[in-house]
Amino acid sequence: DRTGDEIHTSMKAGPFLPKAEIKQQPWIKAYEDNNVDCGFMAELSGKGQIGKGMWAAPDNMKQMLKEKIGHPMSGANTAWVPSPTAATLHAMHYHRCNVQERQAELRGRPRANVEDILTVPLLKRKLDSDEVREELKNNAQGLLGYMVRWVQMGVGCSKVPDANEVQLMEDRATLRISSQHIANWLHHKIVSKEEVMKALKDMAAVVDRQNANDPSYKPMAPHCNGLEFQAACDIVFKGQDIPNGYTEGLLTDFRRAYKAKFPA
């Protein structure tokens, strides 16, 4: 949610970096460190939870086992995982890292820099056409992949294959990030409305193929005039006007419309 909120809040400050690069900027580490610092100030150590975020690749447990120890090492004593298997594996990290000892070490560090937290992760270089096309494709595919689950099936958080067939956890927060990112690039003319529509239509065919084994699934392509496709268009092209970029209202409206059109 922090990333989606950052994009919407700073929508007109300038174009944002590609999504993968946003998380490598100083603001996100300062934000995460500040969360832990605030937990220390509230005396949560040994009494309450200082938490960290989700591992978003449910099928990539080897990489999670390698990387997610970073959460207890950062001072957190709890973190989101996408499955019971992931929870069992992540529990091993708390045997390798004594969180209370680690928190005692971290208490002596300087507080996170507020100026870093307020540094907006804006684009400082010119992107080539391939970078723009790939980012737009990935945003459109993830957005549509989640949208069809919600509008057609009433399914919220779930595994959705990305454009490279990697299963990723998608939810309203990731939908918010993808839609706000496209809206930001539209506003600053990194992409045109025509390019966005082409990406959405191209990725609609990909999402259709990824759901082809579901007998209840209704394809979007080639006409791309169904409610789930319209919802995807609205959440992008009206993205600046949606309060704080939140997706819940639009999703609920389109799910209700779908149920009215296709009653069980």
C-alpha atoms as a PDB file:
ATOM      1  CA  ASP A   1       0.000   0.000   0.000  1.00  0.00           C
ATOM      2  CA  ARG A   2       2.876   2.380   0.691  1.00  0.00           C
ATOM      3  CA  THR A   3       4.004   2.334  -2.944  1.00  0.00           C
ATOM      4  CA  GLY A   4       0.513   2.900  -4.355  1.00  0.00           C
ATOM      5  CA  ASP A   5      -0.031   5.720  -1.895  1.00  0.00           C
ATOM      6  CA  GLU A   6       3.296   7.311  -2.838  1.00  0.00           C
ATOM      7  CA  ILE A   7       2.423   7.276  -6.547  1.00  0.00           C
ATOM      8  CA  HIS A   8      -1.032   8.773  -6.036  1.00  0.00           C
ATOM      9  CA  THR A   9       0.118  11.413  -3.543  1.00  0.00           C
ATOM     10  CA  SER A  10       2.967  12.567  -5.796  1.00  0.00           C
ATOM     11  CA  MET A  11       1.105  11.979  -9.085  1.00  0.00           C
ATOM     12  CA  LYS A  12       1.916  15.397 -10.533  1.00  0.00           C
ATOM     13  CA  ALA A  13       5.461  15.707  -9.165  1.00  0.00           C
ATOM     14  CA  GLY A  14       6.831  13.819 -12.167  1.00  0.00           C
ATOM     15  CA  PRO A  15       6.972  10.388 -13.782  1.00  0.00           C
ATOM     16  CA  PHE A  16       7.865   7.537 -11.451  1.00  0.00           C
ATOM     17  CA  LEU A  17      10.628   5.026 -11.942  1.00  0.00           C
ATOM     18  CA  PRO A  18       9.736   1.530 -13.201  1.00  0.00           C
ATOM     19  CA  LYS A  19       8.180  -0.463 -10.355  1.00  0.00           C
ATOM     20  CA  ALA A  20      11.172  -2.713  -9.678  1.00  0.00           C
ATOM     21  CA  GLU A  21      13.421   0.328  -9.314  1.00  0.00           C
ATOM     22  CA  ILE A  22      11.043   2.164  -6.983  1.00  0.00           C
ATOM     23  CA  LYS A  23      11.725  -0.406  -4.254  1.00  0.00           C
ATOM     24  CA  GLN A  24      15.486   0.090  -4.594  1.00  0.00           C
ATOM     25  CA  GLN A  25      15.336   3.795  -3.745  1.00  0.00           C
ATOM     26  CA  PRO A  26      16.297   5.299  -0.344  1.00  0.00           C
ATOM     27  CA  TRP A  27      12.706   6.187   0.610  1.00  0.00           C
ATOM     28  CA  ILE A  28      11.506   2.613   1.060  1.00  0.00           C
ATOM     29  CA  LYS A  29      14.405   1.512   3.316  1.00  0.00           C
ATOM     30  CA  ALA A  30      13.990   4.659   5.396  1.00  0.00           C
ATOM     31  CA  TYR A  31      10.257   3.986   5.640  1.00  0.00           C
ATOM     32  CA  GLU A  32      10.808   0.375   6.752  1.00  0.00           C
ATOM     33  CA  ASP A  33      13.528   1.356   9.262  1.00  0.00           C
ATOM     34  CA  ASN A  34      11.277   4.071  10.634  1.00  0.00           C
ATOM     35  CA  ASN A  35       8.527   1.515  11.268  1.00  0.00           C
ATOM     36  CA  VAL A  36      10.919  -0.495  13.420  1.00  0.00           C
ATOM     37  CA  ASP A  37      12.180   2.638  15.173  1.00  0.00           C
ATOM     38  CA  CYS A  38       8.598   3.619  16.027  1.00  0.00           C
ATOM     39  CA  GLY A  39       8.030   0.115  17.396  1.00  0.00           C
ATOM     40  CA  PHE A  40      11.019   0.570  19.680  1.00  0.00           C
ATOM     41  CA  MET A  41       9.739   3.976  20.832  1.00  0.00           C
ATOM     42  CA  ALA A  42       6.369   2.400  21.649  1.00  0.00           C
ATOM     43  CA  GLU A  43       8.185  -0.277  23.709  1.00  0.00           C
ATOM     44  CA  LEU A  44       6.804  -3.105  21.592  1.00  0.00           C
ATOM     45  CA  SER A  45       9.907  -5.279  22.019  1.00  0.00           C
ATOM     46  CA  GLY A  46       8.877  -8.437  23.862  1.00  0.00           C
ATOM     47  CA  LYS A  47       5.298  -7.178  24.160  1.00  0.00           C
ATOM     48  CA  GLY A  48       3.819  -6.628  20.694  1.00  0.00           C
ATOM     49  CA  GLN A  49       4.378  -7.133  17.006  1.00  0.00           C
ATOM     50  CA  ILE A  50       6.743  -5.240  14.745  1.00  0.00           C
ATOM     51  CA  GLY A  51       5.823  -6.561  11.314  1.00  0.00           C
ATOM     52  CA  LYS A  52       7.141  -6.737   7.774  1.00  0.00           C
ATOM     53  CA  GLY A  53       5.491  -7.407   4.447  1.00  0.00           C
ATOM     54  CA  MET A  54       4.495 -10.256   2.180  1.00  0.00           C
ATOM     55  CA  TRP A  55       6.628 -12.633   0.148  1.00  0.00           C
ATOM     56  CA  ALA A  56       4.799 -12.271  -3.148  1.00  0.00           C
ATOM     57  CA  ALA A  57       6.090 -15.327  -5.067  1.00  0.00           C
ATOM     58  CA  PRO A  58       4.244 -18.274  -3.458  1.00  0.00           C
ATOM     59  CA  ASP A  59       5.917 -20.931  -5.627  1.00  0.00           C
ATOM     60  CA  ASN A  60       9.477 -19.685  -5.113  1.00  0.00           C
ATOM     61  CA  MET A  61      10.173 -21.004  -1.627  1.00  0.00           C
ATOM     62  CA  LYS A  62      13.903 -21.498  -2.212  1.00  0.00           C
ATOM     63  CA  GLN A  63      14.387 -17.793  -2.807  1.00  0.00           C
ATOM     64  CA  MET A  64      12.125 -16.915   0.130  1.00  0.00           C
ATOM     65  CA  LEU A  65      14.203 -19.110   2.427  1.00  0.00           C
ATOM     66  CA  LYS A  66      17.288 -17.261   1.238  1.00  0.00           C
ATOM     67  CA  GLU A  67      15.961 -13.701   1.432  1.00  0.00           C
ATOM     68  CA  LYS A  68      13.220 -13.443   4.055  1.00  0.00           C
ATOM     69  CA  ILE A  69      15.614 -13.746   6.974  1.00  0.00           C
ATOM     70  CA  GLY A  70      16.110 -10.055   6.209  1.00  0.00           C
ATOM     71  CA  HIS A  71      12.853  -9.357   8.053  1.00  0.00           C
ATOM     72  CA  PRO A  72      13.919 -10.611  11.507  1.00  0.00           C
ATOM     73  CA  MET A  73      17.370  -9.146  10.843  1.00  0.00           C
ATOM     74  CA  SER A  74      15.663  -5.763  10.324  1.00  0.00           C
ATOM     75  CA  GLY A  75      14.114  -5.980  13.802  1.00  0.00           C
ATOM     76  CA  ALA A  76      10.715  -7.429  12.924  1.00  0.00           C
ATOM     77  CA  ASN A  77       9.268 -10.265  14.982  1.00  0.00           C
ATOM     78  CA  THR A  78       6.496 -11.142  12.515  1.00  0.00           C
ATOM     79  CA  ALA A  79       5.958 -11.001   8.753  1.00  0.00           C
ATOM     80  CA  TRP A  80       3.395 -11.914   6.112  1.00  0.00           C
ATOM     81  CA  VAL A  81       3.751 -15.182   4.198  1.00  0.00           C
ATOM     82  CA  PRO A  82       1.531 -16.518   1.389  1.00  0.00           C
ATOM     83  CA  SER A  83       0.873 -20.087   2.579  1.00  0.00           C
ATOM     84  CA  PRO A  84       1.209 -22.583   5.461  1.00  0.00           C
ATOM     85  CA  THR A  85       4.283 -24.038   3.730  1.00  0.00           C
ATOM     86  CA  ALA A  86       5.855 -20.591   3.590  1.00  0.00           C
ATOM     87  CA  ALA A  87       5.003 -20.039   7.262  1.00  0.00           C
ATOM     88  CA  THR A  88       6.768 -23.264   8.257  1.00  0.00           C
ATOM     89  CA  LEU A  89       9.862 -22.344   6.268  1.00  0.00           C
ATOM     90  CA  HIS A  90       9.880 -18.755   7.509  1.00  0.00           C
ATOM     91  CA  ALA A  91       9.738 -20.013  11.117  1.00  0.00           C
ATOM     92  CA  MET A  92      13.271 -21.334  10.550  1.00  0.00           C
ATOM     93  CA  HIS A  93      14.505 -17.768  10.220  1.00  0.00           C
ATOM     94  CA  TYR A  94      13.542 -17.050  13.816  1.00  0.00           C
ATOM     95  CA  HIS A  95      15.733 -19.948  14.938  1.00  0.00           C
ATOM     96  CA  ARG A  96      18.664 -18.512  13.003  1.00  0.00           C
ATOM     97  CA  CYS A  97      18.102 -14.942  14.206  1.00  0.00           C
ATOM     98  CA  ASN A  98      17.436 -14.075  17.851  1.00  0.00           C
ATOM     99  CA  VAL A  99      15.075 -11.168  17.277  1.00  0.00           C
ATOM    100  CA  GLN A 100      15.282  -9.732  20.795  1.00  0.00           C
ATOM    101  CA  GLU A 101      19.072  -9.637  20.598  1.00  0.00           C
ATOM    102  CA  ARG A 102      18.870  -8.113  17.147  1.00  0.00           C
ATOM    103  CA  GLN A 103      16.408  -5.477  18.341  1.00  0.00           C
ATOM    104  CA  ALA A 104      18.774  -4.577  21.181  1.00  0.00           C
ATOM    105  CA  GLU A 105      21.535  -4.031  18.611  1.00  0.00           C
ATOM    106  CA  LEU A 106      19.310  -1.889  16.391  1.00  0.00           C
ATOM    107  CA  ARG A 107      18.179   0.366  19.224  1.00  0.00           C
ATOM    108  CA  GLY A 108      21.584   2.015  19.139  1.00  0.00           C
ATOM    109  CA  ARG A 109      21.451   3.055  15.498  1.00  0.00           C
ATOM    110  CA  PRO A 110      20.526   6.593  14.351  1.00  0.00           C
ATOM    111  CA  ARG A 111      16.837   7.140  13.639  1.00  0.00           C
ATOM    112  CA  ALA A 112      15.701   6.774  10.035  1.00  0.00           C
ATOM    113  CA  ASN A 113      16.099   9.997   8.060  1.00  0.00           C
ATOM    114  CA  VAL A 114      12.737  11.673   7.486  1.00  0.00           C
ATOM    115  CA  GLU A 115      14.168  13.477   4.451  1.00  0.00           C
ATOM    116  CA  ASP A 116      14.860  10.098   2.859  1.00  0.00           C
ATOM    117  CA  ILE A 117      11.274   9.019   3.516  1.00  0.00           C
ATOM    118  CA  LEU A 118      10.047  12.145   1.746  1.00  0.00           C
ATOM    119  CA  THR A 119      12.275  11.647  -1.312  1.00  0.00           C
ATOM    120  CA  VAL A 120       9.862  10.844  -4.140  1.00  0.00           C
ATOM    121  CA  PRO A 121      11.208   8.026  -6.385  1.00  0.00           C
ATOM    122  CA  LEU A 122      10.944   9.941  -9.638  1.00  0.00           C
ATOM    123  CA  LEU A 123      12.418   9.052 -13.005  1.00  0.00           C
ATOM    124  CA  LYS A 124      15.702  10.886 -13.660  1.00  0.00           C
ATOM    125  CA  ARG A 125      16.677   9.332 -16.981  1.00  0.00           C
ATOM    126  CA  LYS A 126      15.150   8.772 -20.406  1.00  0.00           C
ATOM    127  CA  LEU A 127      13.659   5.324 -20.858  1.00  0.00           C
ATOM    128  CA  ASP A 128      14.080   3.571 -24.177  1.00  0.00           C
ATOM    129  CA  SER A 129      11.042   2.264 -26.020  1.00  0.00           C
ATOM    130  CA  ASP A 130      11.665  -1.355 -24.985  1.00  0.00           C
ATOM    131  CA  GLU A 131      11.744  -0.443 -21.282  1.00  0.00           C
ATOM    132  CA  VAL A 132       8.498   1.494 -21.586  1.00  0.00           C
ATOM    133  CA  ARG A 133       6.771  -1.248 -23.539  1.00  0.00           C
ATOM    134  CA  GLU A 134       7.866  -3.983 -21.109  1.00  0.00           C
ATOM    135  CA  GLU A 135       6.798  -2.037 -18.023  1.00  0.00           C
ATOM    136  CA  LEU A 136       3.435  -1.196 -19.559  1.00  0.00           C
ATOM    137  CA  LYS A 137       2.899  -4.811 -20.624  1.00  0.00           C
ATOM    138  CA  ASN A 138       3.659  -6.154 -17.147  1.00  0.00           C
ATOM    139  CA  ASN A 139       1.419  -3.596 -15.454  1.00  0.00           C
ATOM    140  CA  ALA A 140      -1.460  -4.284 -17.850  1.00  0.00           C
ATOM    141  CA  GLN A 141      -1.158  -8.060 -17.569  1.00  0.00           C
ATOM    142  CA  GLY A 142      -1.036  -8.121 -13.759  1.00  0.00           C
ATOM    143  CA  LEU A 143      -3.911  -5.673 -13.545  1.00  0.00           C
ATOM    144  CA  LEU A 144      -6.126  -7.684 -15.910  1.00  0.00           C
ATOM    145  CA  GLY A 145      -5.148 -10.993 -14.337  1.00  0.00           C
ATOM    146  CA  TYR A 146      -6.415  -9.800 -10.978  1.00  0.00           C
ATOM    147  CA  MET A 147      -9.419  -7.957 -12.402  1.00  0.00           C
ATOM    148  CA  VAL A 148     -10.930 -11.036 -14.064  1.00  0.00           C
ATOM    149  CA  ARG A 149     -10.609 -12.982 -10.800  1.00  0.00           C
ATOM    150  CA  TRP A 150     -12.401 -10.278  -8.866  1.00  0.00           C
ATOM    151  CA  VAL A 151     -15.111  -9.233 -11.323  1.00  0.00           C
ATOM    152  CA  GLN A 152     -15.906 -12.627 -12.874  1.00  0.00           C
ATOM    153  CA  MET A 153     -15.267 -14.957  -9.943  1.00  0.00           C
ATOM    154  CA  GLY A 154     -15.494 -12.838  -6.812  1.00  0.00           C
ATOM    155  CA  VAL A 155     -11.988 -13.978  -5.813  1.00  0.00           C
ATOM    156  CA  GLY A 156      -9.751 -11.468  -4.052  1.00  0.00           C
ATOM    157  CA  CYS A 157      -6.139 -12.150  -3.068  1.00  0.00           C
ATOM    158  CA  SER A 158      -4.840 -15.085  -5.112  1.00  0.00           C
ATOM    159  CA  LYS A 159      -1.986 -16.409  -7.230  1.00  0.00           C
ATOM    160  CA  VAL A 160      -1.986 -14.823 -10.678  1.00  0.00           C
ATOM    161  CA  PRO A 161       0.600 -15.700 -13.352  1.00  0.00           C
ATOM    162  CA  ASP A 162       2.497 -12.686 -14.618  1.00  0.00           C
ATOM    163  CA  ALA A 163       3.466 -12.036 -18.239  1.00  0.00           C
ATOM    164  CA  ASN A 164       6.389 -14.456 -17.836  1.00  0.00           C
ATOM    165  CA  GLU A 165       4.160 -17.174 -16.312  1.00  0.00           C
ATOM    166  CA  VAL A 166       5.584 -16.656 -12.805  1.00  0.00           C
ATOM    167  CA  GLN A 167       2.885 -17.107 -10.182  1.00  0.00           C
ATOM    168  CA  LEU A 168       2.649 -13.957  -8.045  1.00  0.00           C
ATOM    169  CA  MET A 169       0.368 -12.982  -5.207  1.00  0.00           C
ATOM    170  CA  GLU A 170      -1.967 -10.241  -6.395  1.00  0.00           C
ATOM    171  CA  ASP A 171      -4.357  -8.255  -4.237  1.00  0.00           C
ATOM    172  CA  ARG A 172      -5.951  -4.825  -4.106  1.00  0.00           C
ATOM    173  CA  ALA A 173      -2.653  -3.260  -3.070  1.00  0.00           C
ATOM    174  CA  THR A 174      -0.775  -4.611  -6.104  1.00  0.00           C
ATOM    175  CA  LEU A 175      -3.706  -3.625  -8.325  1.00  0.00           C
ATOM    176  CA  ARG A 176      -3.482  -0.118  -6.912  1.00  0.00           C
ATOM    177  CA  ILE A 177       0.244   0.062  -7.660  1.00  0.00           C
ATOM    178  CA  SER A 178      -0.118  -1.138 -11.269  1.00  0.00           C
ATOM    179  CA  SER A 179      -3.081   1.096 -12.078  1.00  0.00           C
ATOM    180  CA  GLN A 180      -1.591   4.191 -10.434  1.00  0.00           C
ATOM    181  CA  HIS A 181       1.735   3.600 -12.165  1.00  0.00           C
ATOM    182  CA  ILE A 182       0.086   3.544 -15.594  1.00  0.00           C
ATOM    183  CA  ALA A 183      -1.993   6.618 -14.670  1.00  0.00           C
ATOM    184  CA  ASN A 184       1.199   8.432 -13.651  1.00  0.00           C
ATOM    185  CA  TRP A 185       2.975   7.614 -16.905  1.00  0.00           C
ATOM    186  CA  LEU A 186      -0.111   8.684 -18.849  1.00  0.00           C
ATOM    187  CA  HIS A 187      -0.227  12.022 -17.044  1.00  0.00           C
ATOM    188  CA  HIS A 188       3.442  12.719 -17.809  1.00  0.00           C
ATOM    189  CA  LYS A 189       3.195  11.466 -21.402  1.00  0.00           C
ATOM    190  CA  ILE A 190       5.615   8.570 -21.005  1.00  0.00           C
ATOM    191  CA  VAL A 191       2.832   6.552 -22.659  1.00  0.00           C
ATOM    192  CA  SER A 192      -0.220   7.574 -24.681  1.00  0.00           C
ATOM    193  CA  LYS A 193      -3.817   6.477 -24.220  1.00  0.00           C
ATOM    194  CA  GLU A 194      -3.545   4.557 -27.493  1.00  0.00           C
ATOM    195  CA  GLU A 195      -0.464   2.683 -26.255  1.00  0.00           C
ATOM    196  CA  VAL A 196      -2.200   1.809 -22.999  1.00  0.00           C
ATOM    197  CA  MET A 197      -5.272   0.512 -24.814  1.00  0.00           C
ATOM    198  CA  LYS A 198      -3.114  -1.606 -27.118  1.00  0.00           C
ATOM    199  CA  ALA A 199      -1.264  -3.074 -24.124  1.00  0.00           C
ATOM    200  CA  LEU A 200      -4.539  -3.853 -22.351  1.00  0.00           C
ATOM    201  CA  LYS A 201      -6.000  -5.561 -25.427  1.00  0.00           C
ATOM    202  CA  ASP A 202      -2.802  -7.516 -26.092  1.00  0.00           C
ATOM    203  CA  MET A 203      -2.612  -8.655 -22.475  1.00  0.00           C
ATOM    204  CA  ALA A 204      -6.323  -9.529 -22.418  1.00  0.00           C
ATOM    205  CA  ALA A 205      -5.502 -12.296 -24.901  1.00  0.00           C
ATOM    206  CA  VAL A 206      -2.651 -13.469 -22.656  1.00  0.00           C
ATOM    207  CA  VAL A 207      -4.877 -13.542 -19.580  1.00  0.00           C
ATOM    208  CA  ASP A 208      -7.529 -15.433 -21.560  1.00  0.00           C
ATOM    209  CA  ARG A 209      -4.943 -18.070 -22.437  1.00  0.00           C
ATOM    210  CA  GLN A 210      -3.789 -18.309 -18.833  1.00  0.00           C
ATOM    211  CA  ASN A 211      -7.376 -18.995 -17.734  1.00  0.00           C
ATOM    212  CA  ALA A 212      -8.281 -21.280 -20.654  1.00  0.00           C
ATOM    213  CA  ASN A 213      -8.542 -24.392 -18.464  1.00  0.00           C
ATOM    214  CA  ASP A 214     -11.282 -22.862 -16.315  1.00  0.00           C
ATOM    215  CA  PRO A 215     -14.627 -23.909 -17.878  1.00  0.00           C
ATOM    216  CA  SER A 216     -16.469 -21.027 -16.204  1.00  0.00           C
ATOM    217  CA  TYR A 217     -14.099 -18.350 -17.506  1.00  0.00           C
ATOM    218  CA  LYS A 218     -15.464 -15.852 -20.032  1.00  0.00           C
ATOM    219  CA  PRO A 219     -12.736 -14.579 -22.409  1.00  0.00           C
ATOM    220  CA  MET A 220     -12.170 -10.851 -22.805  1.00  0.00           C
ATOM    221  CA  ALA A 221     -10.570 -10.905 -26.271  1.00  0.00           C
ATOM    222  CA  PRO A 222     -11.019 -10.215 -29.090  1.00  0.00           C
ATOM    223  CA  HIS A 223     -13.871  -7.789 -28.454  1.00  0.00           C
ATOM    224  CA  CYS A 224     -12.640  -6.506 -25.061  1.00  0.00           C
ATOM    225  CA  ASN A 225     -15.998  -4.971 -24.202  1.00  0.00           C
ATOM    226  CA  GLY A 226     -16.893  -6.974 -21.085  1.00  0.00           C
ATOM    227  CA  LEU A 227     -17.277  -5.618 -17.582  1.00  0.00           C
ATOM    228  CA  GLU A 228     -13.876  -6.843 -16.372  1.00  0.00           C
ATOM    229  CA  PHE A 229     -12.106  -5.107 -19.262  1.00  0.00           C
ATOM    230  CA  GLN A 230     -14.115  -1.923 -18.703  1.00  0.00           C
ATOM    231  CA  ALA A 231     -13.170  -2.052 -15.020  1.00  0.00           C
ATOM    232  CA  ALA A 232      -9.499  -2.271 -15.990  1.00  0.00           C
ATOM    233  CA  CYS A 233      -9.846   0.727 -18.305  1.00  0.00           C
ATOM    234  CA  ASP A 234     -11.657   2.786 -15.671  1.00  0.00           C
ATOM    235  CA  ILE A 235      -9.149   2.080 -12.920  1.00  0.00           C
ATOM    236  CA  VAL A 236      -6.355   3.310 -15.195  1.00  0.00           C
ATOM    237  CA  PHE A 237      -7.903   6.196 -17.128  1.00  0.00           C
ATOM    238  CA  LYS A 238      -9.770   7.524 -14.079  1.00  0.00           C
ATOM    239  CA  GLY A 239      -6.880   6.732 -11.769  1.00  0.00           C
ATOM    240  CA  GLN A 240      -6.067  10.336 -10.907  1.00  0.00           C
ATOM    241  CA  ASP A 241      -9.656  11.004  -9.831  1.00  0.00           C
ATOM    242  CA  ILE A 242     -10.191   7.908  -7.672  1.00  0.00           C
ATOM    243  CA  PRO A 243      -9.805   9.032  -4.030  1.00  0.00           C
ATOM    244  CA  ASN A 244      -6.257   8.132  -2.983  1.00  0.00           C
ATOM    245  CA  GLY A 245      -6.163   5.615  -5.816  1.00  0.00           C
ATOM    246  CA  TYR A 246      -8.076   3.081  -3.745  1.00  0.00           C
ATOM    247  CA  THR A 247      -9.585   0.244  -5.788  1.00  0.00           C
ATOM    248  CA  GLU A 248     -12.315  -1.096  -3.491  1.00  0.00           C
ATOM    249  CA  GLY A 249     -15.217   1.050  -4.686  1.00  0.00           C
ATOM    250  CA  LEU A 250     -14.667   0.400  -8.370  1.00  0.00           C
ATOM    251  CA  LEU A 251     -14.107  -3.335  -7.850  1.00  0.00           C
ATOM    252  CA  THR A 252     -17.284  -3.663  -5.812  1.00  0.00           C
ATOM    253  CA  ASP A 253     -19.369  -1.748  -8.354  1.00  0.00           C
ATOM    254  CA  PHE A 254     -18.190  -3.898 -11.261  1.00  0.00           C
ATOM    255  CA  ARG A 255     -18.577  -7.145  -9.314  1.00  0.00           C
ATOM    256  CA  ARG A 256     -22.187  -6.202  -8.500  1.00  0.00           C
ATOM    257  CA  ALA A 257     -22.833  -5.313 -12.139  1.00  0.00           C
ATOM    258  CA  TYR A 258     -21.376  -8.637 -13.261  1.00  0.00           C
ATOM    259  CA  LYS A 259     -23.537 -10.608 -10.810  1.00  0.00           C
ATOM    260  CA  ALA A 260     -26.612  -8.716 -12.000  1.00  0.00           C
ATOM    261  CA  LYS A 261     -25.793  -9.489 -15.632  1.00  0.00           C
ATOM    262  CA  PHE A 262     -24.853 -13.119 -15.012  1.00  0.00           C
ATOM    263  CA  PRO A 263     -26.904 -14.303 -12.028  1.00  0.00           C
ATOM    264  CA  ALA A 264     -25.867 -17.661 -10.602  1.00  0.00           C
END
